[in-house]
Amino acid sequence: MRMALGASRSDVFTLVIGQSLKLVLGGLAVGVAGALGLTRMLNAFLYGTGSSDPLTFVVVAGLLLGMGLLAGYVPARRAARTDPLVALRDE
């Protein structure tokens, strides 16, 4: 619909990636806050690393962020490639 109203393909791609990135960052914030809040319980399950090891948190957050962007890339590319006439006929 946005492309039919004049948005470029890059605008649509950026919009979809931005929306998926917001969800991923929100989930990361809740997850990291929960993990830091439960460090005593986590300490019993972790072997060879501390419960609040910053490197572990950064690596895991980076991997999850990368996976979230990869998961948002496919729908963003599909939305940017969709012909506006086909999309308007579908609805």
Protein backbone atom coordinates (compact mmCIF):
# COMPACT_ATOMS: atom_id res chain seq x y z
CA MET A 1 0.00 0.00 0.00
CA ARG A 2 2.81 2.41 0.83
CA MET A 3 4.45 1.81 -2.52
CA ALA A 4 1.19 2.58 -4.28
CA LEU A 5 1.16 5.90 -2.45
CA GLY A 6 4.71 6.76 -3.50
CA ALA A 7 7.10 5.09 -1.06
CA SER A 8 10.29 3.71 -2.54
CA ARG A 9 11.39 0.10 -2.25
CA SER A 10 14.14 1.09 0.18
CA ASP A 11 11.60 2.91 2.38
CA VAL A 12 9.45 -0.21 2.62
CA PHE A 13 12.48 -2.42 3.26
CA THR A 14 13.72 -0.08 6.01
CA LEU A 15 10.26 0.05 7.59
CA VAL A 16 9.91 -3.73 7.83
CA ILE A 17 13.48 -4.24 9.08
CA GLY A 18 12.94 -1.46 11.64
CA GLN A 19 9.78 -3.08 12.95
CA SER A 20 11.47 -6.45 13.35
CA LEU A 21 14.48 -4.79 15.00
CA LYS A 22 12.20 -3.11 17.56
CA LEU A 23 10.76 -6.50 18.52
CA VAL A 24 14.20 -8.09 18.78
CA LEU A 25 15.62 -5.26 20.89
CA GLY A 26 12.59 -5.34 23.19
CA GLY A 27 12.99 -9.07 23.68
CA LEU A 28 16.71 -8.68 24.31
CA ALA A 29 16.09 -5.99 26.92
CA VAL A 30 13.57 -8.14 28.78
CA GLY A 31 15.77 -11.23 28.47
CA VAL A 32 18.95 -9.55 29.70
CA ALA A 33 17.11 -7.88 32.57
CA GLY A 34 15.57 -11.21 33.56
CA ALA A 35 18.89 -13.02 33.29
CA LEU A 36 20.66 -10.43 35.41
CA GLY A 37 17.83 -10.59 37.95
CA LEU A 38 18.09 -14.36 38.22
CA THR A 39 21.88 -14.67 38.46
CA ARG A 40 21.77 -16.71 41.64
CA MET A 41 19.64 -19.39 40.05
CA LEU A 42 21.67 -19.30 36.84
CA ASN A 43 24.88 -19.77 38.78
CA ALA A 44 23.82 -23.33 39.64
CA PHE A 45 23.40 -24.23 35.94
CA LEU A 46 26.55 -22.64 34.49
CA TYR A 47 29.88 -24.41 34.53
CA GLY A 48 33.14 -22.66 33.72
CA THR A 49 31.67 -19.19 33.41
CA GLY A 50 30.26 -16.68 35.87
CA SER A 51 26.56 -15.94 35.99
CA SER A 52 27.07 -12.31 35.02
CA ASP A 53 29.95 -12.75 32.57
CA PRO A 54 29.75 -9.68 30.28
CA LEU A 55 31.34 -11.44 27.30
CA THR A 56 28.70 -14.16 27.40
CA PHE A 57 25.88 -11.62 27.53
CA VAL A 58 27.35 -9.62 24.62
CA VAL A 59 27.96 -12.68 22.43
CA VAL A 60 24.51 -14.15 23.04
CA ALA A 61 22.81 -10.77 22.50
CA GLY A 62 24.76 -10.31 19.27
CA LEU A 63 23.79 -13.74 18.00
CA LEU A 64 20.13 -13.15 18.82
CA LEU A 65 20.23 -9.73 17.18
CA GLY A 66 21.79 -11.23 14.05
CA MET A 67 19.20 -14.00 13.92
CA GLY A 68 16.40 -11.47 14.38
CA LEU A 69 17.70 -9.33 11.53
CA LEU A 70 18.05 -12.39 9.32
CA ALA A 71 14.49 -13.43 10.17
CA GLY A 72 13.24 -9.95 9.27
CA TYR A 73 15.26 -9.75 6.05
CA VAL A 74 13.14 -12.23 4.08
CA PRO A 75 9.76 -10.54 4.72
CA ALA A 76 11.34 -7.11 4.18
CA ARG A 77 12.77 -8.16 0.83
CA ARG A 78 9.44 -9.70 -0.18
CA ALA A 79 7.54 -6.55 0.83
CA ALA A 80 9.97 -4.34 -1.09
CA ARG A 81 9.73 -6.47 -4.24
CA THR A 82 5.94 -6.71 -4.29
CA ASP A 83 4.33 -4.90 -7.20
CA PRO A 84 1.84 -2.30 -5.88
CA LEU A 85 -0.79 -3.28 -8.46
CA VAL A 86 -0.67 -6.93 -7.42
CA ALA A 87 -0.94 -5.97 -3.75
CA LEU A 88 -3.92 -3.68 -4.39
CA ARG A 89 -5.73 -6.34 -6.45
CA ASP A 90 -5.22 -8.89 -3.68
CA GLU A 91 -7.13 -6.85 -1.12
